[in-house]
Amino acid sequence: MKSDIHPQNYRPVIFHDATSGERFLIGSTIVTKKTGEWTDKKEYPLVTLEISSASHPFYTGKETVIDTAGRVEKFKRRLAVSKK
């Protein structure tokens, strides 16, 4: 293998799915200032996600509307205006 081609900051990171509440401990190089405690009582960097495989309809088989930024209401307003 070639030397010095791999990232130096590769470490375990907790990814928290805000929609489902699931948490995953995965190796990553993502930069974050937040930390969280894992089940092994150790502190790891923490990244919060709006959606992951634990809440995405493709993986869960359940259709849900996840609207954290008011996108659905904005779309409905534009649709109502265009029908006038």
PDB file of N, CA and C in Angstrom:
ATOM      1  N   MET A   1       0.826  -1.188   0.000  1.00  0.00           N
ATOM      2  CA  MET A   1       0.000   0.000   0.000  1.00  0.00           C
ATOM      3  C   MET A   1       0.869   1.250   0.000  1.00  0.00           C
ATOM      4  N   LYS A   2       0.371   2.299  -0.617  1.00  0.00           N
ATOM      5  CA  LYS A   2       1.086   3.562  -0.604  1.00  0.00           C
ATOM      6  C   LYS A   2       0.992   4.195   0.781  1.00  0.00           C
ATOM      7  N   SER A   3       2.046   4.839   1.185  1.00  0.00           N
ATOM      8  CA  SER A   3       2.021   5.503   2.483  1.00  0.00           C
ATOM      9  C   SER A   3       1.508   6.934   2.330  1.00  0.00           C
ATOM     10  N   ASP A   4       0.956   7.473   3.395  1.00  0.00           N
ATOM     11  CA  ASP A   4       0.477   8.855   3.484  1.00  0.00           C
ATOM     12  C   ASP A   4      -0.651   9.206   2.512  1.00  0.00           C
ATOM     13  N   ILE A   5      -1.490   8.227   2.132  1.00  0.00           N
ATOM     14  CA  ILE A   5      -2.629   8.550   1.283  1.00  0.00           C
ATOM     15  C   ILE A   5      -3.946   8.468   2.051  1.00  0.00           C
ATOM     16  N   HIS A   6      -3.927   7.919   3.237  1.00  0.00           N
ATOM     17  CA  HIS A   6      -5.148   7.756   4.018  1.00  0.00           C
ATOM     18  C   HIS A   6      -5.339   8.940   4.959  1.00  0.00           C
ATOM     19  N   PRO A   7      -6.579   9.331   5.231  1.00  0.00           N
ATOM     20  CA  PRO A   7      -6.829  10.480   6.106  1.00  0.00           C
ATOM     21  C   PRO A   7      -6.324  10.213   7.525  1.00  0.00           C
ATOM     22  N   GLN A   8      -5.838  11.266   8.153  1.00  0.00           N
ATOM     23  CA  GLN A   8      -5.302  11.133   9.501  1.00  0.00           C
ATOM     24  C   GLN A   8      -6.393  11.203  10.568  1.00  0.00           C
ATOM     25  N   ASN A   9      -7.525  11.830  10.267  1.00  0.00           N
ATOM     26  CA  ASN A   9      -8.556  12.032  11.277  1.00  0.00           C
ATOM     27  C   ASN A   9      -9.705  11.023  11.199  1.00  0.00           C
ATOM     28  N   TYR A  10      -9.462   9.848  10.664  1.00  0.00           N
ATOM     29  CA  TYR A  10     -10.471   8.798  10.591  1.00  0.00           C
ATOM     30  C   TYR A  10     -10.666   8.222  11.987  1.00  0.00           C
ATOM     31  N   ARG A  11     -11.916   8.293  12.504  1.00  0.00           N
ATOM     32  CA  ARG A  11     -12.194   7.827  13.845  1.00  0.00           C
ATOM     33  C   ARG A  11     -13.670   7.452  13.948  1.00  0.00           C
ATOM     34  N   PRO A  12     -14.093   6.760  15.020  1.00  0.00           N
ATOM     35  CA  PRO A  12     -15.512   6.451  15.199  1.00  0.00           C
ATOM     36  C   PRO A  12     -16.311   7.729  15.467  1.00  0.00           C
ATOM     37  N   VAL A  13     -17.483   7.851  14.839  1.00  0.00           N
ATOM     38  CA  VAL A  13     -18.358   9.004  14.999  1.00  0.00           C
ATOM     39  C   VAL A  13     -19.786   8.497  15.201  1.00  0.00           C
ATOM     40  N   ILE A  14     -20.535   9.144  16.106  1.00  0.00           N
ATOM     41  CA  ILE A  14     -21.937   8.805  16.321  1.00  0.00           C
ATOM     42  C   ILE A  14     -22.774   9.641  15.354  1.00  0.00           C
ATOM     43  N   PHE A  15     -23.606   8.966  14.560  1.00  0.00           N
ATOM     44  CA  PHE A  15     -24.555   9.642  13.692  1.00  0.00           C
ATOM     45  C   PHE A  15     -25.943   9.434  14.288  1.00  0.00           C
ATOM     46  N   HIS A  16     -26.631  10.535  14.603  1.00  0.00           N
ATOM     47  CA  HIS A  16     -27.945  10.480  15.238  1.00  0.00           C
ATOM     48  C   HIS A  16     -29.009  10.916  14.238  1.00  0.00           C
ATOM     49  N   ASP A  17     -29.949  10.030  13.951  1.00  0.00           N
ATOM     50  CA  ASP A  17     -31.062  10.325  13.051  1.00  0.00           C
ATOM     51  C   ASP A  17     -32.144  11.028  13.865  1.00  0.00           C
ATOM     52  N   ALA A  18     -32.375  12.308  13.607  1.00  0.00           N
ATOM     53  CA  ALA A  18     -33.339  13.098  14.379  1.00  0.00           C
ATOM     54  C   ALA A  18     -34.777  12.646  14.132  1.00  0.00           C
ATOM     55  N   THR A  19     -35.059  12.053  12.989  1.00  0.00           N
ATOM     56  CA  THR A  19     -36.414  11.630  12.671  1.00  0.00           C
ATOM     57  C   THR A  19     -36.807  10.362  13.414  1.00  0.00           C
ATOM     58  N   SER A  20     -35.943   9.348  13.409  1.00  0.00           N
ATOM     59  CA  SER A  20     -36.280   8.068  14.034  1.00  0.00           C
ATOM     60  C   SER A  20     -35.688   7.905  15.432  1.00  0.00           C
ATOM     61  N   GLY A  21     -34.671   8.691  15.753  1.00  0.00           N
ATOM     62  CA  GLY A  21     -34.023   8.553  17.053  1.00  0.00           C
ATOM     63  C   GLY A  21     -32.910   7.529  17.067  1.00  0.00           C
ATOM     64  N   GLU A  22     -32.710   6.832  15.960  1.00  0.00           N
ATOM     65  CA  GLU A  22     -31.644   5.825  15.876  1.00  0.00           C
ATOM     66  C   GLU A  22     -30.277   6.486  15.925  1.00  0.00           C
ATOM     67  N   ARG A  23     -29.307   5.742  16.438  1.00  0.00           N
ATOM     68  CA  ARG A  23     -27.929   6.216  16.478  1.00  0.00           C
ATOM     69  C   ARG A  23     -27.016   5.124  15.937  1.00  0.00           C
ATOM     70  N   PHE A  24     -25.996   5.536  15.179  1.00  0.00           N
ATOM     71  CA  PHE A  24     -25.053   4.612  14.570  1.00  0.00           C
ATOM     72  C   PHE A  24     -23.641   5.046  14.933  1.00  0.00           C
ATOM     73  N   LEU A  25     -22.776   4.109  15.241  1.00  0.00           N
ATOM     74  CA  LEU A  25     -21.364   4.402  15.478  1.00  0.00           C
ATOM     75  C   LEU A  25     -20.601   3.892  14.260  1.00  0.00           C
ATOM     76  N   ILE A  26     -20.084   4.840  13.464  1.00  0.00           N
ATOM     77  CA  ILE A  26     -19.454   4.509  12.194  1.00  0.00           C
ATOM     78  C   ILE A  26     -18.143   5.271  12.072  1.00  0.00           C
ATOM     79  N   GLY A  27     -17.161   4.683  11.439  1.00  0.00           N
ATOM     80  CA  GLY A  27     -15.904   5.370  11.188  1.00  0.00           C
ATOM     81  C   GLY A  27     -16.093   6.460  10.150  1.00  0.00           C
ATOM     82  N   SER A  28     -15.541   7.651  10.410  1.00  0.00           N
ATOM     83  CA  SER A  28     -15.721   8.772   9.508  1.00  0.00           C
ATOM     84  C   SER A  28     -14.620   9.806   9.706  1.00  0.00           C
ATOM     85  N   THR A  29     -14.499  10.711   8.738  1.00  0.00           N
ATOM     86  CA  THR A  29     -13.570  11.836   8.851  1.00  0.00           C
ATOM     87  C   THR A  29     -14.329  13.154   8.976  1.00  0.00           C
ATOM     88  N   ILE A  30     -15.649  13.119   9.147  1.00  0.00           N
ATOM     89  CA  ILE A  30     -16.462  14.330   9.221  1.00  0.00           C
ATOM     90  C   ILE A  30     -16.033  15.189  10.417  1.00  0.00           C
ATOM     91  N   VAL A  31     -16.099  16.498  10.235  1.00  0.00           N
ATOM     92  CA  VAL A  31     -15.679  17.428  11.281  1.00  0.00           C
ATOM     93  C   VAL A  31     -16.910  17.925  12.032  1.00  0.00           C
ATOM     94  N   THR A  32     -16.903  17.822  13.349  1.00  0.00           N
ATOM     95  CA  THR A  32     -17.988  18.295  14.190  1.00  0.00           C
ATOM     96  C   THR A  32     -17.439  18.708  15.546  1.00  0.00           C
ATOM     97  N   LYS A  33     -18.136  19.653  16.180  1.00  0.00           N
ATOM     98  CA  LYS A  33     -17.704  20.111  17.503  1.00  0.00           C
ATOM     99  C   LYS A  33     -18.508  19.456  18.613  1.00  0.00           C
ATOM    100  N   LYS A  34     -19.647  18.832  18.260  1.00  0.00           N
ATOM    101  CA  LYS A  34     -20.490  18.182  19.264  1.00  0.00           C
ATOM    102  C   LYS A  34     -19.938  16.804  19.610  1.00  0.00           C
ATOM    103  N   THR A  35     -20.199  16.363  20.839  1.00  0.00           N
ATOM    104  CA  THR A  35     -19.832  15.022  21.257  1.00  0.00           C
ATOM    105  C   THR A  35     -21.030  14.371  21.923  1.00  0.00           C
ATOM    106  N   GLY A  36     -21.030  13.060  21.944  1.00  0.00           N
ATOM    107  CA  GLY A  36     -22.100  12.303  22.579  1.00  0.00           C
ATOM    108  C   GLY A  36     -21.544  11.033  23.187  1.00  0.00           C
ATOM    109  N   GLU A  37     -22.295  10.485  24.132  1.00  0.00           N
ATOM    110  CA  GLU A  37     -21.867   9.257  24.800  1.00  0.00           C
ATOM    111  C   GLU A  37     -22.503   8.058  24.125  1.00  0.00           C
ATOM    112  N   TRP A  38     -21.696   7.048  23.860  1.00  0.00           N
ATOM    113  CA  TRP A  38     -22.159   5.819  23.229  1.00  0.00           C
ATOM    114  C   TRP A  38     -22.471   4.807  24.315  1.00  0.00           C
ATOM    115  N   THR A  39     -22.955   3.636  23.956  1.00  0.00           N
ATOM    116  CA  THR A  39     -23.330   2.616  24.935  1.00  0.00           C
ATOM    117  C   THR A  39     -22.140   2.077  25.727  1.00  0.00           C
ATOM    118  N   ASP A  40     -20.943   2.258  25.218  1.00  0.00           N
ATOM    119  CA  ASP A  40     -19.750   1.805  25.935  1.00  0.00           C
ATOM    120  C   ASP A  40     -19.239   2.853  26.930  1.00  0.00           C
ATOM    121  N   LYS A  41     -20.058   3.909  27.145  1.00  0.00           N
ATOM    122  CA  LYS A  41     -19.760   5.005  28.085  1.00  0.00           C
ATOM    123  C   LYS A  41     -18.591   5.880  27.661  1.00  0.00           C
ATOM    124  N   LYS A  42     -18.186   5.811  26.404  1.00  0.00           N
ATOM    125  CA  LYS A  42     -17.117   6.663  25.878  1.00  0.00           C
ATOM    126  C   LYS A  42     -17.733   7.808  25.085  1.00  0.00           C
ATOM    127  N   GLU A  43     -17.016   8.925  25.054  1.00  0.00           N
ATOM    128  CA  GLU A  43     -17.434  10.094  24.292  1.00  0.00           C
ATOM    129  C   GLU A  43     -16.878  10.002  22.868  1.00  0.00           C
ATOM    130  N   TYR A  44     -17.759  10.276  21.898  1.00  0.00           N
ATOM    131  CA  TYR A  44     -17.376  10.277  20.497  1.00  0.00           C
ATOM    132  C   TYR A  44     -17.920  11.549  19.852  1.00  0.00           C
ATOM    133  N   PRO A  45     -17.341  11.978  18.726  1.00  0.00           N
ATOM    134  CA  PRO A  45     -17.931  13.095  17.985  1.00  0.00           C
ATOM    135  C   PRO A  45     -19.359  12.721  17.570  1.00  0.00           C
ATOM    136  N   LEU A  46     -20.259  13.716  17.547  1.00  0.00           N
ATOM    137  CA  LEU A  46     -21.675  13.477  17.263  1.00  0.00           C
ATOM    138  C   LEU A  46     -22.135  14.328  16.088  1.00  0.00           C
ATOM    139  N   VAL A  47     -22.819  13.692  15.127  1.00  0.00           N
ATOM    140  CA  VAL A  47     -23.396  14.372  13.976  1.00  0.00           C
ATOM    141  C   VAL A  47     -24.888  14.045  13.953  1.00  0.00           C
ATOM    142  N   THR A  48     -25.738  15.078  13.847  1.00  0.00           N
ATOM    143  CA  THR A  48     -27.181  14.884  13.782  1.00  0.00           C
ATOM    144  C   THR A  48     -27.636  14.987  12.333  1.00  0.00           C
ATOM    145  N   LEU A  49     -28.404  13.994  11.898  1.00  0.00           N
ATOM    146  CA  LEU A  49     -28.922  13.930  10.536  1.00  0.00           C
ATOM    147  C   LEU A  49     -30.436  14.068  10.550  1.00  0.00           C
ATOM    148  N   GLU A  50     -31.010  14.648   9.499  1.00  0.00           N
ATOM    149  CA  GLU A  50     -32.466  14.718   9.393  1.00  0.00           C
ATOM    150  C   GLU A  50     -33.046  13.380   8.963  1.00  0.00           C
ATOM    151  N   ILE A  51     -32.306  12.645   8.152  1.00  0.00           N
ATOM    152  CA  ILE A  51     -32.812  11.382   7.629  1.00  0.00           C
ATOM    153  C   ILE A  51     -31.645  10.432   7.379  1.00  0.00           C
ATOM    154  N   SER A  52     -31.874   9.152   7.648  1.00  0.00           N
ATOM    155  CA  SER A  52     -30.857   8.122   7.400  1.00  0.00           C
ATOM    156  C   SER A  52     -31.575   6.862   6.933  1.00  0.00           C
ATOM    157  N   SER A  53     -30.853   5.775   6.844  1.00  0.00           N
ATOM    158  CA  SER A  53     -31.482   4.524   6.420  1.00  0.00           C
ATOM    159  C   SER A  53     -32.527   4.052   7.432  1.00  0.00           C
ATOM    160  N   ALA A  54     -32.456   4.523   8.672  1.00  0.00           N
ATOM    161  CA  ALA A  54     -33.424   4.128   9.694  1.00  0.00           C
ATOM    162  C   ALA A  54     -34.772   4.821   9.514  1.00  0.00           C
ATOM    163  N   SER A  55     -34.820   5.938   8.772  1.00  0.00           N
ATOM    164  CA  SER A  55     -36.081   6.653   8.602  1.00  0.00           C
ATOM    165  C   SER A  55     -36.465   6.893   7.143  1.00  0.00           C
ATOM    166  N   HIS A  56     -35.601   6.578   6.204  1.00  0.00           N
ATOM    167  CA  HIS A  56     -35.898   6.820   4.793  1.00  0.00           C
ATOM    168  C   HIS A  56     -36.911   5.789   4.282  1.00  0.00           C
ATOM    169  N   PRO A  57     -37.970   6.237   3.592  1.00  0.00           N
ATOM    170  CA  PRO A  57     -39.003   5.321   3.116  1.00  0.00           C
ATOM    171  C   PRO A  57     -38.482   4.187   2.236  1.00  0.00           C
ATOM    172  N   PHE A  58     -37.440   4.409   1.474  1.00  0.00           N
ATOM    173  CA  PHE A  58     -36.902   3.354   0.619  1.00  0.00           C
ATOM    174  C   PHE A  58     -36.437   2.163   1.450  1.00  0.00           C
ATOM    175  N   TYR A  59     -35.823   2.415   2.594  1.00  0.00           N
ATOM    176  CA  TYR A  59     -35.285   1.343   3.437  1.00  0.00           C
ATOM    177  C   TYR A  59     -36.301   0.802   4.425  1.00  0.00           C
ATOM    178  N   THR A  60     -37.229   1.650   4.893  1.00  0.00           N
ATOM    179  CA  THR A  60     -38.189   1.208   5.904  1.00  0.00           C
ATOM    180  C   THR A  60     -39.441   0.604   5.300  1.00  0.00           C
ATOM    181  N   GLY A  61     -39.759   0.968   4.049  1.00  0.00           N
ATOM    182  CA  GLY A  61     -40.973   0.477   3.413  1.00  0.00           C
ATOM    183  C   GLY A  61     -42.211   1.234   3.854  1.00  0.00           C
ATOM    184  N   LYS A  62     -42.051   2.278   4.651  1.00  0.00           N
ATOM    185  CA  LYS A  62     -43.170   3.088   5.128  1.00  0.00           C
ATOM    186  C   LYS A  62     -43.087   4.468   4.500  1.00  0.00           C
ATOM    187  N   GLU A  63     -44.230   4.940   4.006  1.00  0.00           N
ATOM    188  CA  GLU A  63     -44.252   6.291   3.446  1.00  0.00           C
ATOM    189  C   GLU A  63     -44.541   7.284   4.553  1.00  0.00           C
ATOM    190  N   THR A  64     -43.640   8.231   4.736  1.00  0.00           N
ATOM    191  CA  THR A  64     -43.846   9.278   5.728  1.00  0.00           C
ATOM    192  C   THR A  64     -43.438  10.607   5.111  1.00  0.00           C
ATOM    193  N   VAL A  65     -44.048  11.663   5.611  1.00  0.00           N
ATOM    194  CA  VAL A  65     -43.683  12.996   5.162  1.00  0.00           C
ATOM    195  C   VAL A  65     -42.792  13.598   6.228  1.00  0.00           C
ATOM    196  N   ILE A  66     -41.570  13.891   5.870  1.00  0.00           N
ATOM    197  CA  ILE A  66     -40.624  14.506   6.787  1.00  0.00           C
ATOM    198  C   ILE A  66     -40.388  15.915   6.284  1.00  0.00           C
ATOM    199  N   ASP A  67     -40.927  16.872   7.023  1.00  0.00           N
ATOM    200  CA  ASP A  67     -40.866  18.261   6.583  1.00  0.00           C
ATOM    201  C   ASP A  67     -40.324  19.110   7.729  1.00  0.00           C
ATOM    202  N   THR A  68     -39.039  19.341   7.717  1.00  0.00           N
ATOM    203  CA  THR A  68     -38.431  20.106   8.802  1.00  0.00           C
ATOM    204  C   THR A  68     -38.286  21.573   8.460  1.00  0.00           C
ATOM    205  N   ALA A  69     -38.457  21.938   7.217  1.00  0.00           N
ATOM    206  CA  ALA A  69     -38.232  23.328   6.826  1.00  0.00           C
ATOM    207  C   ALA A  69     -39.461  23.980   6.203  1.00  0.00           C
ATOM    208  N   GLY A  70     -40.650  23.363   6.354  1.00  0.00           N
ATOM    209  CA  GLY A  70     -41.864  23.949   5.801  1.00  0.00           C
ATOM    210  C   GLY A  70     -41.975  23.818   4.303  1.00  0.00           C
ATOM    211  N   ARG A  71     -41.298  22.863   3.715  1.00  0.00           N
ATOM    212  CA  ARG A  71     -41.293  22.734   2.256  1.00  0.00           C
ATOM    213  C   ARG A  71     -42.661  22.323   1.711  1.00  0.00           C
ATOM    214  N   VAL A  72     -43.370  21.471   2.452  1.00  0.00           N
ATOM    215  CA  VAL A  72     -44.673  21.006   1.977  1.00  0.00           C
ATOM    216  C   VAL A  72     -45.661  22.167   1.936  1.00  0.00           C
ATOM    217  N   GLU A  73     -45.700  22.968   3.009  1.00  0.00           N
ATOM    218  CA  GLU A  73     -46.609  24.107   3.035  1.00  0.00           C
ATOM    219  C   GLU A  73     -46.268  25.099   1.931  1.00  0.00           C
ATOM    220  N   LYS A  74     -45.001  25.345   1.692  1.00  0.00           N
ATOM    221  CA  LYS A  74     -44.571  26.262   0.648  1.00  0.00           C
ATOM    222  C   LYS A  74     -45.031  25.750  -0.728  1.00  0.00           C
ATOM    223  N   PHE A  75     -44.890  24.451  -0.970  1.00  0.00           N
ATOM    224  CA  PHE A  75     -45.321  23.854  -2.225  1.00  0.00           C
ATOM    225  C   PHE A  75     -46.829  23.991  -2.392  1.00  0.00           C
ATOM    226  N   LYS A  76     -47.597  23.734  -1.329  1.00  0.00           N
ATOM    227  CA  LYS A  76     -49.051  23.826  -1.411  1.00  0.00           C
ATOM    228  C   LYS A  76     -49.505  25.256  -1.699  1.00  0.00           C
ATOM    229  N   ARG A  77     -48.829  26.259  -1.112  1.00  0.00           N
ATOM    230  CA  ARG A  77     -49.154  27.660  -1.395  1.00  0.00           C
ATOM    231  C   ARG A  77     -48.904  27.991  -2.864  1.00  0.00           C
ATOM    232  N   ARG A  78     -47.758  27.559  -3.392  1.00  0.00           N
ATOM    233  CA  ARG A  78     -47.445  27.829  -4.798  1.00  0.00           C
ATOM    234  C   ARG A  78     -48.425  27.134  -5.718  1.00  0.00           C
ATOM    235  N   LEU A  79     -48.814  25.917  -5.373  1.00  0.00           N
ATOM    236  CA  LEU A  79     -49.766  25.162  -6.174  1.00  0.00           C
ATOM    237  C   LEU A  79     -51.135  25.855  -6.189  1.00  0.00           C
ATOM    238  N   ALA A  80     -51.565  26.346  -5.035  1.00  0.00           N
ATOM    239  CA  ALA A  80     -52.855  27.039  -4.956  1.00  0.00           C
ATOM    240  C   ALA A  80     -52.846  28.311  -5.786  1.00  0.00           C
ATOM    241  N   VAL A  81     -51.740  29.053  -5.760  1.00  0.00           N
ATOM    242  CA  VAL A  81     -51.628  30.281  -6.539  1.00  0.00           C
ATOM    243  C   VAL A  81     -51.632  29.975  -8.034  1.00  0.00           C
ATOM    244  N   SER A  82     -50.986  28.902  -8.440  1.00  0.00           N
ATOM    245  CA  SER A  82     -50.898  28.574  -9.863  1.00  0.00           C
ATOM    246  C   SER A  82     -52.231  28.087 -10.431  1.00  0.00           C
ATOM    247  N   LYS A  83     -53.120  27.573  -9.576  1.00  0.00           N
ATOM    248  CA  LYS A  83     -54.419  27.068 -10.044  1.00  0.00           C
ATOM    249  C   LYS A  83     -55.434  28.179 -10.207  1.00  0.00           C
ATOM    250  N   LYS A  84     -55.142  29.376  -9.701  1.00  0.00           N
ATOM    251  CA  LYS A  84     -56.080  30.499  -9.822  1.00  0.00           C
ATOM    252  C   LYS A  84     -56.107  31.073 -11.201  1.00  0.00           C
TER     253      LYS A  84
END
